[in-house]
Amino acid sequence: MLTRKPPMLVRVALANKMARIVWALMARGGAYQSPTAAA
């Protein structure tokens, strides 16, 4: 992503993604399970 987009845009996009994950976990009371790598 860094080769195609400005570094600040990538940071903001990743922070937004993490914030949405955290919000969903807090709202639903779940536990985070990291995604498994595709085989």
Protein backbone atom coordinates (compact mmCIF):
# COMPACT_ATOMS: atom_id res chain seq x y z
CA MET A 1 0.00 0.00 0.00
CA LEU A 2 2.82 2.40 0.82
CA THR A 3 4.14 2.32 -2.73
CA ARG A 4 0.80 3.51 -4.15
CA LYS A 5 -0.56 5.82 -1.44
CA PRO A 6 0.85 8.64 0.69
CA PRO A 7 2.16 7.34 4.06
CA MET A 8 -0.26 9.45 6.14
CA LEU A 9 -3.25 8.08 4.21
CA VAL A 10 -2.11 4.52 4.92
CA ARG A 11 -1.71 5.30 8.63
CA VAL A 12 -5.18 6.80 8.84
CA ALA A 13 -6.73 3.87 6.97
CA LEU A 14 -5.09 1.32 9.28
CA ALA A 15 -6.05 3.29 12.39
CA ASN A 16 -9.63 3.45 11.14
CA LYS A 17 -9.69 -0.30 10.56
CA MET A 18 -8.33 -1.00 14.04
CA ALA A 19 -10.81 1.43 15.61
CA ARG A 20 -13.72 -0.32 13.91
CA ILE A 21 -12.50 -3.72 15.15
CA VAL A 22 -12.13 -2.42 18.72
CA TRP A 23 -15.55 -0.75 18.62
CA ALA A 24 -17.21 -3.94 17.37
CA LEU A 25 -15.55 -5.99 20.11
CA MET A 26 -16.60 -3.54 22.81
CA ALA A 27 -20.16 -3.27 21.48
CA ARG A 28 -20.63 -7.03 21.26
CA GLY A 29 -18.48 -8.09 24.20
CA GLY A 30 -16.42 -10.47 22.08
CA ALA A 31 -12.79 -11.56 22.15
CA TYR A 32 -10.34 -10.74 19.36
CA GLN A 33 -9.14 -13.64 17.25
CA SER A 34 -6.36 -12.69 14.85
CA PRO A 35 -7.07 -13.71 11.25
CA THR A 36 -5.27 -16.80 10.04
CA ALA A 37 -3.02 -16.55 6.99
CA ALA A 38 -4.48 -17.86 3.76
CA ALA A 39 -2.91 -21.12 2.66
